[in-house]
Amino acid sequence: MAAFTPLTPEILTISVADRAAALTGRVCVAVNAPDAADPVEFAQHVAMELRTRGRAADVVDLHDFVRPASLRLEHGRTDPYSYRHDWFDYAAVDREVLRAVREHQRWLPRLWDERTDRSARERPRRAAEDQILVVAGPMLLGRGLDFDVTVVLTMSRGALERRTRAEDHWTIDAVLEHDETDADVLVRYDHPTRPAVRTRSA
């Protein structure tokens, strides 16, 4: 088993962008990470790096694909099982983002507004021939979603407890139980300014 190698955040961003940019056509990248790791911010850095290379790149936030509150809160507001299985609409990510960009050359940036609990009313966007979409959020892997590049930012329980908002501590057990680490790029991310990385041969 390959060892973990310390990298700077900048080099980590570049290495993920390298993997995505090496693929032709429309590419889907997963950044699987708890909210405490701020996966959307990391995905935005990757997308920015890709744009500097001339690739069309956009970020999809999994929190824009939550289920309606009537479904995700059916068993209460702090139920770990619901957070793991009922909170996010992974089927919609598959249908409106991954398969849509490959089969119909378009993708939906947002489905549902988590704050207002209403449809986001977004129109699908046309995808460039070389479009790269970076989907970022918790527990993405292990759902049967077809990503071309997979990145996992892992955190220990201690790091999650330090970096998760107090009102969201109930989500920690669900994140740890999911524990999907079969990825192209596996990152120990307890200290985001000092990541350590293990990569799968491309």
C-alpha atoms as a PDB file:
ATOM      1  CA  MET A   1       0.000   0.000   0.000  1.00  0.00           C
ATOM      2  CA  ALA A   2       1.371   3.398  -1.000  1.00  0.00           C
ATOM      3  CA  ALA A   3       2.386   5.771   1.762  1.00  0.00           C
ATOM      4  CA  PHE A   4       0.839   9.175   2.361  1.00  0.00           C
ATOM      5  CA  THR A   5       2.925  12.074   1.090  1.00  0.00           C
ATOM      6  CA  PRO A   6       2.742  15.567   2.615  1.00  0.00           C
ATOM      7  CA  LEU A   7       1.843  18.282   0.103  1.00  0.00           C
ATOM      8  CA  THR A   8       1.033  21.956   0.196  1.00  0.00           C
ATOM      9  CA  PRO A   9      -2.616  22.841  -0.483  1.00  0.00           C
ATOM     10  CA  GLU A  10      -1.523  24.451  -3.748  1.00  0.00           C
ATOM     11  CA  ILE A  11       0.233  21.318  -4.986  1.00  0.00           C
ATOM     12  CA  LEU A  12      -2.761  19.209  -3.958  1.00  0.00           C
ATOM     13  CA  THR A  13      -5.033  21.448  -6.031  1.00  0.00           C
ATOM     14  CA  ILE A  14      -2.702  21.193  -9.015  1.00  0.00           C
ATOM     15  CA  SER A  15      -2.431  17.408  -8.749  1.00  0.00           C
ATOM     16  CA  VAL A  16      -6.219  16.983  -8.764  1.00  0.00           C
ATOM     17  CA  ALA A  17      -6.513  19.395 -11.688  1.00  0.00           C
ATOM     18  CA  ASP A  18      -3.824  17.417 -13.521  1.00  0.00           C
ATOM     19  CA  ARG A  19      -5.899  14.236 -13.256  1.00  0.00           C
ATOM     20  CA  ALA A  20      -9.034  15.915 -14.525  1.00  0.00           C
ATOM     21  CA  ALA A  21      -7.281  17.807 -17.327  1.00  0.00           C
ATOM     22  CA  ALA A  22      -5.645  14.600 -18.579  1.00  0.00           C
ATOM     23  CA  LEU A  23      -9.096  13.323 -19.593  1.00  0.00           C
ATOM     24  CA  THR A  24     -10.770  14.455 -22.797  1.00  0.00           C
ATOM     25  CA  GLY A  25     -14.389  15.361 -23.358  1.00  0.00           C
ATOM     26  CA  ARG A  26     -16.819  15.996 -20.528  1.00  0.00           C
ATOM     27  CA  VAL A  27     -15.400  14.978 -17.155  1.00  0.00           C
ATOM     28  CA  CYS A  28     -17.039  14.567 -13.740  1.00  0.00           C
ATOM     29  CA  VAL A  29     -14.945  14.867 -10.576  1.00  0.00           C
ATOM     30  CA  ALA A  30     -16.072  14.018  -7.044  1.00  0.00           C
ATOM     31  CA  VAL A  31     -14.727  15.807  -3.983  1.00  0.00           C
ATOM     32  CA  ASN A  32     -16.110  13.618  -1.216  1.00  0.00           C
ATOM     33  CA  ALA A  33     -15.719  15.311   2.169  1.00  0.00           C
ATOM     34  CA  PRO A  34     -17.643  16.382   5.263  1.00  0.00           C
ATOM     35  CA  ASP A  35     -18.751  19.984   5.506  1.00  0.00           C
ATOM     36  CA  ALA A  36     -16.026  20.526   8.110  1.00  0.00           C
ATOM     37  CA  ALA A  37     -13.443  20.070   5.340  1.00  0.00           C
ATOM     38  CA  ASP A  38     -15.134  22.747   3.192  1.00  0.00           C
ATOM     39  CA  PRO A  39     -15.186  20.586   0.048  1.00  0.00           C
ATOM     40  CA  VAL A  40     -16.859  23.294  -2.025  1.00  0.00           C
ATOM     41  CA  GLU A  41     -14.000  25.711  -1.404  1.00  0.00           C
ATOM     42  CA  PHE A  42     -11.488  23.018  -2.385  1.00  0.00           C
ATOM     43  CA  ALA A  43     -13.531  22.239  -5.512  1.00  0.00           C
ATOM     44  CA  GLN A  44     -13.569  25.926  -6.427  1.00  0.00           C
ATOM     45  CA  HIS A  45      -9.773  26.055  -6.237  1.00  0.00           C
ATOM     46  CA  VAL A  46      -9.566  23.032  -8.547  1.00  0.00           C
ATOM     47  CA  ALA A  47     -12.033  24.585 -10.991  1.00  0.00           C
ATOM     48  CA  MET A  48     -10.102  27.852 -10.976  1.00  0.00           C
ATOM     49  CA  GLU A  49      -6.869  26.009 -11.745  1.00  0.00           C
ATOM     50  CA  LEU A  50      -8.562  24.192 -14.625  1.00  0.00           C
ATOM     51  CA  ARG A  51      -9.869  27.459 -16.059  1.00  0.00           C
ATOM     52  CA  THR A  52      -6.344  28.875 -16.127  1.00  0.00           C
ATOM     53  CA  ARG A  53      -5.529  25.951 -18.443  1.00  0.00           C
ATOM     54  CA  GLY A  54      -8.371  26.790 -20.784  1.00  0.00           C
ATOM     55  CA  ARG A  55     -10.859  24.124 -19.630  1.00  0.00           C
ATOM     56  CA  ALA A  56     -14.482  24.910 -18.910  1.00  0.00           C
ATOM     57  CA  ALA A  57     -14.901  24.042 -15.230  1.00  0.00           C
ATOM     58  CA  ASP A  58     -17.752  24.522 -12.758  1.00  0.00           C
ATOM     59  CA  VAL A  59     -18.599  23.398  -9.232  1.00  0.00           C
ATOM     60  CA  VAL A  60     -21.781  21.661  -8.096  1.00  0.00           C
ATOM     61  CA  ASP A  61     -22.501  21.897  -4.353  1.00  0.00           C
ATOM     62  CA  LEU A  62     -24.263  18.806  -3.000  1.00  0.00           C
ATOM     63  CA  HIS A  63     -26.140  21.060  -0.566  1.00  0.00           C
ATOM     64  CA  ASP A  64     -27.965  22.427  -3.617  1.00  0.00           C
ATOM     65  CA  PHE A  65     -29.322  18.907  -4.163  1.00  0.00           C
ATOM     66  CA  VAL A  66     -30.928  18.240  -0.786  1.00  0.00           C
ATOM     67  CA  ARG A  67     -34.318  16.579  -0.512  1.00  0.00           C
ATOM     68  CA  PRO A  68     -37.305  18.661   0.648  1.00  0.00           C
ATOM     69  CA  ALA A  69     -37.502  19.150   4.417  1.00  0.00           C
ATOM     70  CA  SER A  70     -40.619  16.964   4.607  1.00  0.00           C
ATOM     71  CA  LEU A  71     -38.448  14.012   3.552  1.00  0.00           C
ATOM     72  CA  ARG A  72     -35.104  14.736   5.142  1.00  0.00           C
ATOM     73  CA  LEU A  73     -36.593  15.739   8.510  1.00  0.00           C
ATOM     74  CA  GLU A  74     -39.188  12.969   8.665  1.00  0.00           C
ATOM     75  CA  HIS A  75     -37.419  11.364  11.640  1.00  0.00           C
ATOM     76  CA  GLY A  76     -36.410  14.614  13.326  1.00  0.00           C
ATOM     77  CA  ARG A  77     -33.878  17.346  12.739  1.00  0.00           C
ATOM     78  CA  THR A  78     -30.873  15.527  14.194  1.00  0.00           C
ATOM     79  CA  ASP A  79     -31.202  11.924  13.024  1.00  0.00           C
ATOM     80  CA  PRO A  80     -27.830  10.545  11.814  1.00  0.00           C
ATOM     81  CA  TYR A  81     -29.456   7.783   9.747  1.00  0.00           C
ATOM     82  CA  SER A  82     -31.549  10.344   7.873  1.00  0.00           C
ATOM     83  CA  TYR A  83     -28.479  12.479   7.238  1.00  0.00           C
ATOM     84  CA  ARG A  84     -26.668   9.528   5.715  1.00  0.00           C
ATOM     85  CA  HIS A  85     -29.528   8.103   3.654  1.00  0.00           C
ATOM     86  CA  ASP A  86     -32.306  10.686   3.199  1.00  0.00           C
ATOM     87  CA  TRP A  87     -30.743  14.147   3.335  1.00  0.00           C
ATOM     88  CA  PHE A  88     -29.171  14.486  -0.115  1.00  0.00           C
ATOM     89  CA  ASP A  89     -30.779  13.612  -3.443  1.00  0.00           C
ATOM     90  CA  TYR A  90     -27.990  11.538  -4.956  1.00  0.00           C
ATOM     91  CA  ALA A  91     -30.346  10.197  -7.632  1.00  0.00           C
ATOM     92  CA  ALA A  92     -30.961  13.765  -8.796  1.00  0.00           C
ATOM     93  CA  VAL A  93     -27.206  14.402  -8.949  1.00  0.00           C
ATOM     94  CA  ASP A  94     -26.928  11.343 -11.177  1.00  0.00           C
ATOM     95  CA  ARG A  95     -29.861  12.351 -13.377  1.00  0.00           C
ATOM     96  CA  GLU A  96     -29.439  16.133 -13.590  1.00  0.00           C
ATOM     97  CA  VAL A  97     -25.658  16.443 -13.461  1.00  0.00           C
ATOM     98  CA  LEU A  98     -23.658  13.317 -14.282  1.00  0.00           C
ATOM     99  CA  ARG A  99     -25.841  11.646 -16.900  1.00  0.00           C
ATOM    100  CA  ALA A 100     -27.206  14.943 -18.190  1.00  0.00           C
ATOM    101  CA  VAL A 101     -23.779  16.378 -18.976  1.00  0.00           C
ATOM    102  CA  ARG A 102     -22.669  13.197 -20.752  1.00  0.00           C
ATOM    103  CA  GLU A 103     -25.869  12.292 -22.583  1.00  0.00           C
ATOM    104  CA  HIS A 104     -27.525  15.659 -23.206  1.00  0.00           C
ATOM    105  CA  GLN A 105     -24.618  18.141 -23.054  1.00  0.00           C
ATOM    106  CA  ARG A 106     -26.243  20.132 -20.277  1.00  0.00           C
ATOM    107  CA  TRP A 107     -26.359  20.120 -16.477  1.00  0.00           C
ATOM    108  CA  LEU A 108     -28.398  21.596 -13.653  1.00  0.00           C
ATOM    109  CA  PRO A 109     -26.376  23.743 -11.219  1.00  0.00           C
ATOM    110  CA  ARG A 110     -28.963  23.734  -8.387  1.00  0.00           C
ATOM    111  CA  LEU A 111     -32.110  21.729  -7.704  1.00  0.00           C
ATOM    112  CA  TRP A 112     -33.349  22.774  -4.251  1.00  0.00           C
ATOM    113  CA  ASP A 113     -32.753  25.747  -1.954  1.00  0.00           C
ATOM    114  CA  GLU A 114     -31.932  24.273   1.449  1.00  0.00           C
ATOM    115  CA  ARG A 115     -32.567  27.555   3.286  1.00  0.00           C
ATOM    116  CA  THR A 116     -36.004  28.366   1.839  1.00  0.00           C
ATOM    117  CA  ASP A 117     -37.003  24.728   1.216  1.00  0.00           C
ATOM    118  CA  ARG A 118     -38.158  25.582  -2.285  1.00  0.00           C
ATOM    119  CA  SER A 119     -37.140  24.697  -5.804  1.00  0.00           C
ATOM    120  CA  ALA A 120     -34.037  26.613  -6.841  1.00  0.00           C
ATOM    121  CA  ARG A 121     -35.722  27.314 -10.211  1.00  0.00           C
ATOM    122  CA  GLU A 122     -32.431  27.090 -12.050  1.00  0.00           C
ATOM    123  CA  ARG A 123     -32.284  26.460 -15.774  1.00  0.00           C
ATOM    124  CA  PRO A 124     -29.961  23.764 -17.132  1.00  0.00           C
ATOM    125  CA  ARG A 125     -26.689  25.088 -18.501  1.00  0.00           C
ATOM    126  CA  ARG A 126     -25.125  24.045 -21.767  1.00  0.00           C
ATOM    127  CA  ALA A 127     -21.925  22.064 -21.339  1.00  0.00           C
ATOM    128  CA  ALA A 128     -18.799  22.827 -23.315  1.00  0.00           C
ATOM    129  CA  GLU A 129     -17.218  20.010 -25.305  1.00  0.00           C
ATOM    130  CA  ASP A 130     -14.426  19.856 -22.720  1.00  0.00           C
ATOM    131  CA  GLN A 131     -16.595  20.646 -19.681  1.00  0.00           C
ATOM    132  CA  ILE A 132     -15.350  19.552 -16.264  1.00  0.00           C
ATOM    133  CA  LEU A 133     -17.836  19.436 -13.384  1.00  0.00           C
ATOM    134  CA  VAL A 134     -16.525  19.170  -9.832  1.00  0.00           C
ATOM    135  CA  VAL A 135     -19.233  17.849  -7.510  1.00  0.00           C
ATOM    136  CA  ALA A 136     -18.463  18.535  -3.849  1.00  0.00           C
ATOM    137  CA  GLY A 137     -20.101  17.362  -0.653  1.00  0.00           C
ATOM    138  CA  PRO A 138     -20.499  14.670   1.993  1.00  0.00           C
ATOM    139  CA  MET A 139     -20.801  10.932   1.388  1.00  0.00           C
ATOM    140  CA  LEU A 140     -20.755  11.096  -2.422  1.00  0.00           C
ATOM    141  CA  LEU A 141     -18.918   7.847  -3.019  1.00  0.00           C
ATOM    142  CA  GLY A 142     -20.417   4.410  -2.558  1.00  0.00           C
ATOM    143  CA  ARG A 143     -23.684   5.579  -4.155  1.00  0.00           C
ATOM    144  CA  GLY A 144     -23.197   4.106  -7.626  1.00  0.00           C
ATOM    145  CA  LEU A 145     -22.438   7.542  -9.080  1.00  0.00           C
ATOM    146  CA  ASP A 146     -20.194   7.468 -12.150  1.00  0.00           C
ATOM    147  CA  PHE A 147     -17.284   9.846 -11.553  1.00  0.00           C
ATOM    148  CA  ASP A 148     -14.170   9.966 -13.719  1.00  0.00           C
ATOM    149  CA  VAL A 149     -11.929  11.241 -10.914  1.00  0.00           C
ATOM    150  CA  THR A 150     -12.574  10.709  -7.206  1.00  0.00           C
ATOM    151  CA  VAL A 151     -11.068  12.686  -4.342  1.00  0.00           C
ATOM    152  CA  VAL A 152     -11.730  11.963  -0.666  1.00  0.00           C
ATOM    153  CA  LEU A 153     -10.788  14.430   2.075  1.00  0.00           C
ATOM    154  CA  THR A 154     -10.794  12.406   5.299  1.00  0.00           C
ATOM    155  CA  MET A 155     -10.937  13.733   8.841  1.00  0.00           C
ATOM    156  CA  SER A 156     -10.580  11.966  12.172  1.00  0.00           C
ATOM    157  CA  ARG A 157     -13.304  12.222  14.788  1.00  0.00           C
ATOM    158  CA  GLY A 158     -11.191  14.724  16.719  1.00  0.00           C
ATOM    159  CA  ALA A 159     -10.807  16.973  13.685  1.00  0.00           C
ATOM    160  CA  LEU A 160     -14.500  16.714  12.873  1.00  0.00           C
ATOM    161  CA  GLU A 161     -15.424  17.667  16.418  1.00  0.00           C
ATOM    162  CA  ARG A 162     -13.101  20.670  16.288  1.00  0.00           C
ATOM    163  CA  ARG A 163     -14.180  21.933  12.870  1.00  0.00           C
ATOM    164  CA  THR A 164     -17.889  21.065  12.733  1.00  0.00           C
ATOM    165  CA  ARG A 165     -20.318  23.703  13.961  1.00  0.00           C
ATOM    166  CA  ALA A 166     -21.746  22.790  17.362  1.00  0.00           C
ATOM    167  CA  GLU A 167     -25.297  22.603  16.009  1.00  0.00           C
ATOM    168  CA  ASP A 168     -24.150  20.085  13.368  1.00  0.00           C
ATOM    169  CA  HIS A 169     -22.233  17.684  15.637  1.00  0.00           C
ATOM    170  CA  TRP A 170     -25.060  15.183  15.232  1.00  0.00           C
ATOM    171  CA  THR A 171     -23.864  14.597  11.617  1.00  0.00           C
ATOM    172  CA  ILE A 172     -20.411  13.364  12.670  1.00  0.00           C
ATOM    173  CA  ASP A 173     -21.389   9.747  13.340  1.00  0.00           C
ATOM    174  CA  ALA A 174     -23.057   9.477   9.923  1.00  0.00           C
ATOM    175  CA  VAL A 175     -19.962  10.812   8.173  1.00  0.00           C
ATOM    176  CA  LEU A 176     -17.649   8.432  10.033  1.00  0.00           C
ATOM    177  CA  GLU A 177     -19.926   5.442   9.455  1.00  0.00           C
ATOM    178  CA  HIS A 178     -19.984   6.075   5.710  1.00  0.00           C
ATOM    179  CA  ASP A 179     -16.160   5.989   5.614  1.00  0.00           C
ATOM    180  CA  GLU A 180     -15.686   5.589   1.838  1.00  0.00           C
ATOM    181  CA  THR A 181     -11.944   5.736   1.099  1.00  0.00           C
ATOM    182  CA  ASP A 182     -11.644   3.946  -2.267  1.00  0.00           C
ATOM    183  CA  ALA A 183     -10.561   6.968  -4.288  1.00  0.00           C
ATOM    184  CA  ASP A 184      -8.088   8.092  -6.916  1.00  0.00           C
ATOM    185  CA  VAL A 185      -6.818  10.726  -4.500  1.00  0.00           C
ATOM    186  CA  LEU A 186      -7.135  10.011  -0.771  1.00  0.00           C
ATOM    187  CA  VAL A 187      -6.223  12.938   1.465  1.00  0.00           C
ATOM    188  CA  ARG A 188      -5.686  13.071   5.200  1.00  0.00           C
ATOM    189  CA  TYR A 189      -7.218  16.444   5.899  1.00  0.00           C
ATOM    190  CA  ASP A 190      -7.227  16.956   9.657  1.00  0.00           C
ATOM    191  CA  HIS A 191      -5.111  20.042   9.020  1.00  0.00           C
ATOM    192  CA  PRO A 192      -6.156  21.527   5.646  1.00  0.00           C
ATOM    193  CA  THR A 193      -3.010  23.638   5.450  1.00  0.00           C
ATOM    194  CA  ARG A 194      -0.907  20.461   5.773  1.00  0.00           C
ATOM    195  CA  PRO A 195      -2.621  17.704   3.775  1.00  0.00           C
ATOM    196  CA  ALA A 196      -1.079  14.279   3.213  1.00  0.00           C
ATOM    197  CA  VAL A 197      -1.993  12.402   0.044  1.00  0.00           C
ATOM    198  CA  ARG A 198      -2.071   8.879  -1.320  1.00  0.00           C
ATOM    199  CA  THR A 199      -2.836   8.533  -5.026  1.00  0.00           C
ATOM    200  CA  ARG A 200      -3.911   5.670  -7.219  1.00  0.00           C
ATOM    201  CA  SER A 201      -1.943   5.186 -10.429  1.00  0.00           C
ATOM    202  CA  ALA A 202      -3.709   6.994 -13.255  1.00  0.00           C
END
